[in-house]
N, C-alpha and C. Protein backbone atom coordinates (compact mmCIF):
# COMPACT_ATOMS: atom_id res chain seq x y z
N UNK A 1 57.10 -124.47 -108.43
CA UNK A 1 58.52 -124.63 -108.60
C UNK A 1 59.01 -123.78 -109.76
N UNK A 2 58.26 -123.77 -110.86
CA UNK A 2 58.68 -122.97 -112.00
C UNK A 2 58.64 -121.48 -111.69
N UNK A 3 57.64 -121.04 -110.98
CA UNK A 3 57.56 -119.62 -110.60
C UNK A 3 58.76 -119.21 -109.76
N UNK A 4 59.15 -120.06 -108.83
CA UNK A 4 60.29 -119.75 -107.97
C UNK A 4 61.58 -119.70 -108.76
N UNK A 5 61.74 -120.56 -109.74
CA UNK A 5 62.98 -120.62 -110.52
C UNK A 5 63.02 -119.59 -111.65
N UNK A 6 61.90 -118.98 -111.96
CA UNK A 6 61.81 -118.01 -113.05
C UNK A 6 62.29 -116.64 -112.59
N UNK A 7 63.57 -116.53 -112.27
CA UNK A 7 64.15 -115.30 -111.73
C UNK A 7 64.06 -114.14 -112.71
N UNK A 8 64.16 -114.42 -114.00
CA UNK A 8 64.11 -113.36 -115.02
C UNK A 8 62.69 -113.09 -115.50
N UNK A 9 61.73 -113.73 -114.86
CA UNK A 9 60.30 -113.56 -115.17
C UNK A 9 60.03 -113.68 -116.67
N UNK A 10 60.48 -114.80 -117.22
CA UNK A 10 60.30 -115.09 -118.63
C UNK A 10 58.98 -115.82 -118.89
N UNK A 11 58.35 -116.32 -117.82
CA UNK A 11 57.12 -117.09 -117.97
C UNK A 11 55.95 -116.29 -117.41
N UNK A 12 54.87 -116.26 -118.15
CA UNK A 12 53.63 -115.63 -117.66
C UNK A 12 52.61 -116.75 -117.49
N UNK A 13 52.21 -116.98 -116.26
CA UNK A 13 51.24 -118.04 -115.96
C UNK A 13 49.83 -117.46 -116.05
N UNK A 14 48.93 -118.19 -116.71
CA UNK A 14 47.54 -117.76 -116.86
C UNK A 14 46.64 -118.89 -116.38
N UNK A 15 45.73 -118.58 -115.48
CA UNK A 15 44.77 -119.56 -114.98
C UNK A 15 43.56 -119.58 -115.90
N UNK A 16 43.43 -120.63 -116.70
CA UNK A 16 42.32 -120.70 -117.66
C UNK A 16 41.00 -121.09 -117.00
N UNK A 17 41.03 -121.37 -115.70
CA UNK A 17 39.81 -121.78 -115.01
C UNK A 17 39.03 -120.58 -114.45
N UNK A 18 39.63 -119.40 -114.45
CA UNK A 18 38.92 -118.24 -113.91
C UNK A 18 37.86 -117.79 -114.91
N UNK A 19 36.78 -117.27 -114.40
CA UNK A 19 35.64 -116.88 -115.23
C UNK A 19 36.02 -115.83 -116.26
N UNK A 20 36.94 -114.95 -115.94
CA UNK A 20 37.31 -113.86 -116.84
C UNK A 20 38.15 -114.31 -118.04
N UNK A 21 38.68 -115.54 -118.00
CA UNK A 21 39.52 -116.00 -119.10
C UNK A 21 38.68 -116.27 -120.34
N UNK A 22 39.14 -115.76 -121.49
CA UNK A 22 38.44 -115.94 -122.76
C UNK A 22 39.26 -116.86 -123.64
N UNK A 23 38.83 -118.11 -123.76
CA UNK A 23 39.57 -119.10 -124.55
C UNK A 23 39.69 -118.67 -126.01
N UNK A 24 38.68 -118.00 -126.52
CA UNK A 24 38.71 -117.56 -127.91
C UNK A 24 39.87 -116.60 -128.17
N UNK A 25 40.33 -115.92 -127.13
CA UNK A 25 41.44 -114.97 -127.30
C UNK A 25 42.74 -115.66 -127.69
N UNK A 26 42.84 -116.96 -127.48
CA UNK A 26 44.03 -117.71 -127.89
C UNK A 26 43.72 -118.65 -129.05
N UNK A 27 42.52 -118.56 -129.58
CA UNK A 27 42.15 -119.35 -130.75
C UNK A 27 41.83 -120.81 -130.46
N UNK A 28 41.31 -121.08 -129.28
CA UNK A 28 40.95 -122.46 -128.92
C UNK A 28 39.70 -122.43 -128.05
N UNK A 29 39.09 -123.59 -127.91
CA UNK A 29 37.93 -123.69 -127.01
C UNK A 29 38.42 -124.03 -125.61
N UNK A 30 37.58 -123.81 -124.63
CA UNK A 30 37.93 -124.16 -123.24
C UNK A 30 38.23 -125.64 -123.13
N UNK A 31 37.45 -126.46 -123.83
CA UNK A 31 37.64 -127.91 -123.78
C UNK A 31 39.01 -128.30 -124.34
N UNK A 32 39.39 -127.68 -125.45
CA UNK A 32 40.71 -127.96 -126.04
C UNK A 32 41.83 -127.58 -125.07
N UNK A 33 41.68 -126.43 -124.43
CA UNK A 33 42.72 -125.97 -123.50
C UNK A 33 42.80 -126.86 -122.26
N UNK A 34 41.68 -127.43 -121.85
CA UNK A 34 41.68 -128.29 -120.67
C UNK A 34 42.18 -129.70 -120.97
N UNK A 35 42.20 -130.09 -122.25
CA UNK A 35 42.64 -131.44 -122.61
C UNK A 35 44.11 -131.70 -122.30
N UNK A 36 44.94 -130.68 -122.43
CA UNK A 36 46.36 -130.83 -122.10
C UNK A 36 46.96 -129.45 -121.87
N UNK A 37 48.16 -129.42 -121.34
CA UNK A 37 48.85 -128.18 -121.06
C UNK A 37 49.13 -127.43 -122.35
N UNK A 38 48.86 -126.13 -122.34
CA UNK A 38 49.12 -125.29 -123.50
C UNK A 38 50.01 -124.12 -123.11
N UNK A 39 50.71 -123.61 -124.08
CA UNK A 39 51.52 -122.42 -123.90
C UNK A 39 51.42 -121.57 -125.14
N UNK A 40 51.66 -120.28 -124.96
CA UNK A 40 51.65 -119.38 -126.12
C UNK A 40 52.99 -118.68 -126.17
N UNK A 41 53.63 -118.76 -127.32
CA UNK A 41 54.93 -118.13 -127.52
C UNK A 41 54.76 -116.63 -127.74
N UNK A 42 55.84 -115.90 -127.68
CA UNK A 42 55.79 -114.45 -127.86
C UNK A 42 55.14 -114.04 -129.18
N UNK A 43 55.32 -114.84 -130.22
CA UNK A 43 54.74 -114.51 -131.53
C UNK A 43 53.27 -114.91 -131.63
N UNK A 44 52.69 -115.45 -130.54
CA UNK A 44 51.29 -115.83 -130.51
C UNK A 44 51.02 -117.28 -130.85
N UNK A 45 52.04 -118.02 -131.28
CA UNK A 45 51.89 -119.43 -131.62
C UNK A 45 51.48 -120.22 -130.38
N UNK A 46 50.46 -121.06 -130.52
CA UNK A 46 50.00 -121.91 -129.43
C UNK A 46 50.71 -123.26 -129.53
N UNK A 47 51.32 -123.69 -128.44
CA UNK A 47 51.97 -125.00 -128.38
C UNK A 47 51.30 -125.80 -127.27
N UNK A 48 51.48 -127.13 -127.32
CA UNK A 48 50.83 -127.94 -126.28
C UNK A 48 51.69 -129.14 -125.91
N UNK A 49 51.22 -129.82 -124.88
CA UNK A 49 51.85 -131.07 -124.45
C UNK A 49 53.28 -130.93 -124.00
N UNK A 50 54.07 -131.90 -124.36
CA UNK A 50 55.46 -132.00 -123.92
C UNK A 50 56.29 -130.80 -124.35
N UNK A 51 55.98 -130.19 -125.49
CA UNK A 51 56.74 -129.03 -125.94
C UNK A 51 56.63 -127.87 -124.95
N UNK A 52 55.50 -127.72 -124.30
CA UNK A 52 55.33 -126.67 -123.29
C UNK A 52 56.30 -126.92 -122.14
N UNK A 53 56.38 -128.15 -121.66
CA UNK A 53 57.31 -128.47 -120.58
C UNK A 53 58.75 -128.19 -121.00
N UNK A 54 59.09 -128.57 -122.22
CA UNK A 54 60.47 -128.33 -122.68
C UNK A 54 60.79 -126.84 -122.68
N UNK A 55 59.88 -126.03 -123.15
CA UNK A 55 60.10 -124.58 -123.20
C UNK A 55 60.17 -123.99 -121.79
N UNK A 56 59.29 -124.45 -120.90
CA UNK A 56 59.31 -123.96 -119.52
C UNK A 56 60.61 -124.33 -118.82
N UNK A 57 61.01 -125.59 -118.95
CA UNK A 57 62.23 -126.05 -118.29
C UNK A 57 63.46 -125.34 -118.84
N UNK A 58 63.51 -125.10 -120.15
CA UNK A 58 64.63 -124.37 -120.74
C UNK A 58 64.67 -122.94 -120.21
N UNK A 59 63.50 -122.33 -120.03
CA UNK A 59 63.44 -120.93 -119.57
C UNK A 59 63.95 -120.76 -118.15
N UNK A 60 63.86 -121.82 -117.34
CA UNK A 60 64.31 -121.70 -115.94
C UNK A 60 65.66 -122.37 -115.70
N UNK A 61 66.35 -122.74 -116.77
CA UNK A 61 67.71 -123.24 -116.63
C UNK A 61 67.88 -124.75 -116.56
N UNK A 62 66.88 -125.50 -116.97
CA UNK A 62 66.98 -126.96 -116.95
C UNK A 62 67.29 -127.53 -118.34
N UNK A 63 68.20 -126.88 -119.08
CA UNK A 63 68.53 -127.32 -120.45
C UNK A 63 68.97 -128.78 -120.52
N UNK A 64 69.79 -129.28 -119.56
CA UNK A 64 70.16 -130.71 -119.64
C UNK A 64 68.95 -131.64 -119.57
N UNK A 65 67.97 -131.27 -118.77
CA UNK A 65 66.74 -132.08 -118.68
C UNK A 65 65.98 -132.06 -120.01
N UNK A 66 65.96 -130.91 -120.65
CA UNK A 66 65.29 -130.78 -121.95
C UNK A 66 65.95 -131.70 -122.97
N UNK A 67 67.28 -131.77 -122.94
CA UNK A 67 68.01 -132.65 -123.85
C UNK A 67 67.59 -134.10 -123.64
N UNK A 68 67.49 -134.52 -122.38
CA UNK A 68 67.03 -135.89 -122.08
C UNK A 68 65.61 -136.12 -122.54
N UNK A 69 64.77 -135.11 -122.41
CA UNK A 69 63.36 -135.23 -122.80
C UNK A 69 63.20 -135.42 -124.31
N UNK A 70 64.22 -135.07 -125.07
CA UNK A 70 64.16 -135.20 -126.53
C UNK A 70 64.66 -136.55 -127.05
N UNK A 71 65.19 -137.39 -126.18
CA UNK A 71 65.66 -138.71 -126.62
C UNK A 71 64.46 -139.54 -127.06
N UNK A 72 64.59 -140.25 -128.20
CA UNK A 72 63.45 -140.94 -128.82
C UNK A 72 62.56 -141.76 -127.89
N UNK A 73 63.05 -142.70 -127.16
CA UNK A 73 62.20 -143.52 -126.30
C UNK A 73 61.61 -142.74 -125.14
N UNK A 74 62.42 -141.86 -124.57
CA UNK A 74 61.97 -141.05 -123.43
C UNK A 74 60.91 -140.05 -123.88
N UNK A 75 61.12 -139.41 -125.01
CA UNK A 75 60.16 -138.43 -125.51
C UNK A 75 58.78 -139.06 -125.71
N UNK A 76 58.75 -140.23 -126.33
CA UNK A 76 57.48 -140.91 -126.59
C UNK A 76 56.78 -141.28 -125.28
N UNK A 77 57.52 -141.82 -124.33
CA UNK A 77 56.94 -142.22 -123.05
C UNK A 77 56.41 -141.01 -122.29
N UNK A 78 57.16 -139.92 -122.28
CA UNK A 78 56.72 -138.71 -121.58
C UNK A 78 55.48 -138.12 -122.23
N UNK A 79 55.44 -138.11 -123.55
CA UNK A 79 54.29 -137.58 -124.27
C UNK A 79 53.04 -138.40 -123.96
N UNK A 80 53.17 -139.69 -124.02
CA UNK A 80 52.04 -140.57 -123.70
C UNK A 80 51.59 -140.38 -122.25
N UNK A 81 52.55 -140.32 -121.33
CA UNK A 81 52.23 -140.11 -119.92
C UNK A 81 51.53 -138.78 -119.69
N UNK A 82 52.00 -137.73 -120.34
CA UNK A 82 51.37 -136.41 -120.18
C UNK A 82 49.94 -136.44 -120.69
N UNK A 83 49.72 -137.02 -121.86
CA UNK A 83 48.36 -137.06 -122.42
C UNK A 83 47.40 -137.85 -121.53
N UNK A 84 47.87 -138.96 -120.99
CA UNK A 84 47.03 -139.76 -120.08
C UNK A 84 46.73 -138.98 -118.80
N UNK A 85 47.75 -138.35 -118.23
CA UNK A 85 47.55 -137.57 -117.01
C UNK A 85 46.61 -136.39 -117.27
N UNK A 86 46.84 -135.66 -118.36
CA UNK A 86 46.04 -134.47 -118.64
C UNK A 86 44.56 -134.80 -118.76
N UNK A 87 44.24 -135.87 -119.41
CA UNK A 87 42.83 -136.24 -119.59
C UNK A 87 42.17 -136.71 -118.29
N UNK A 88 42.98 -137.13 -117.32
CA UNK A 88 42.44 -137.66 -116.06
C UNK A 88 42.86 -136.85 -114.84
N UNK A 89 43.46 -135.68 -115.05
CA UNK A 89 44.05 -134.94 -113.93
C UNK A 89 43.05 -134.52 -112.86
N UNK A 90 41.83 -134.18 -113.26
CA UNK A 90 40.86 -133.77 -112.24
C UNK A 90 40.54 -134.93 -111.30
N UNK A 91 40.34 -136.10 -111.87
CA UNK A 91 40.06 -137.28 -111.05
C UNK A 91 41.29 -137.66 -110.23
N UNK A 92 42.45 -137.65 -110.84
CA UNK A 92 43.68 -138.07 -110.17
C UNK A 92 44.11 -137.10 -109.06
N UNK A 93 43.74 -135.83 -109.19
CA UNK A 93 44.12 -134.85 -108.17
C UNK A 93 43.02 -134.60 -107.16
N UNK A 94 41.96 -135.43 -107.19
CA UNK A 94 40.91 -135.33 -106.19
C UNK A 94 39.92 -134.21 -106.41
N UNK A 95 39.78 -133.73 -107.63
CA UNK A 95 38.83 -132.64 -107.89
C UNK A 95 37.53 -133.14 -108.49
N UNK A 96 37.23 -134.42 -108.30
CA UNK A 96 35.95 -134.98 -108.75
C UNK A 96 35.17 -135.41 -107.52
N UNK A 97 33.92 -135.04 -107.50
CA UNK A 97 33.05 -135.45 -106.39
C UNK A 97 31.68 -135.78 -106.96
N UNK A 98 31.10 -136.85 -106.46
CA UNK A 98 29.76 -137.25 -106.85
C UNK A 98 29.62 -137.37 -108.38
N UNK A 99 30.63 -137.93 -109.03
CA UNK A 99 30.56 -138.18 -110.45
C UNK A 99 30.82 -136.98 -111.34
N UNK A 100 31.14 -135.82 -110.76
CA UNK A 100 31.40 -134.62 -111.56
C UNK A 100 32.78 -134.06 -111.22
N UNK A 101 33.47 -133.61 -112.23
CA UNK A 101 34.78 -133.01 -112.04
C UNK A 101 34.70 -131.52 -112.30
N UNK A 102 35.38 -130.75 -111.48
CA UNK A 102 35.40 -129.30 -111.67
C UNK A 102 36.82 -128.80 -111.60
N UNK A 103 37.02 -127.65 -112.19
CA UNK A 103 38.31 -126.98 -112.10
C UNK A 103 38.15 -125.89 -111.08
N UNK A 104 39.01 -125.89 -110.07
CA UNK A 104 38.97 -124.89 -109.01
C UNK A 104 39.42 -123.56 -109.57
N UNK A 105 38.63 -122.52 -109.38
CA UNK A 105 38.98 -121.21 -109.91
C UNK A 105 39.97 -120.46 -109.03
N UNK A 106 40.25 -120.99 -107.86
CA UNK A 106 41.25 -120.37 -106.96
C UNK A 106 42.63 -120.87 -107.34
N UNK A 107 43.62 -119.95 -107.49
CA UNK A 107 44.97 -120.41 -107.80
C UNK A 107 45.54 -121.28 -106.69
N UNK A 108 46.30 -122.26 -107.08
CA UNK A 108 46.93 -123.17 -106.12
C UNK A 108 48.00 -122.46 -105.34
N UNK A 109 48.11 -122.75 -104.07
CA UNK A 109 49.14 -122.16 -103.22
C UNK A 109 50.44 -122.95 -103.31
N UNK A 110 50.41 -124.12 -103.97
CA UNK A 110 51.59 -124.97 -104.07
C UNK A 110 52.63 -124.43 -105.01
């Protein structure tokens, strides 16, 4: 959805699950990057969690949604929800089999 709405191509998506990706190039370990959503700003600053969603949504024209996401009770609930989902996303999205979870190196078609 974000790719489709990014008409000005302000967002660069990077698949950290591909073998060629070097986590050290962004100053983090693979495990840290897999723990939650990360983004890198133009100046190289690494951001994570809910702030990444806010920046992405603002870039594609969802500024009113970003304003709602900053409201005290909503912000806390969304942050907690994101952290819980991120830590369990492989299991929740069906990418765990026989007690092991893997990240698919093929980009999603969705």
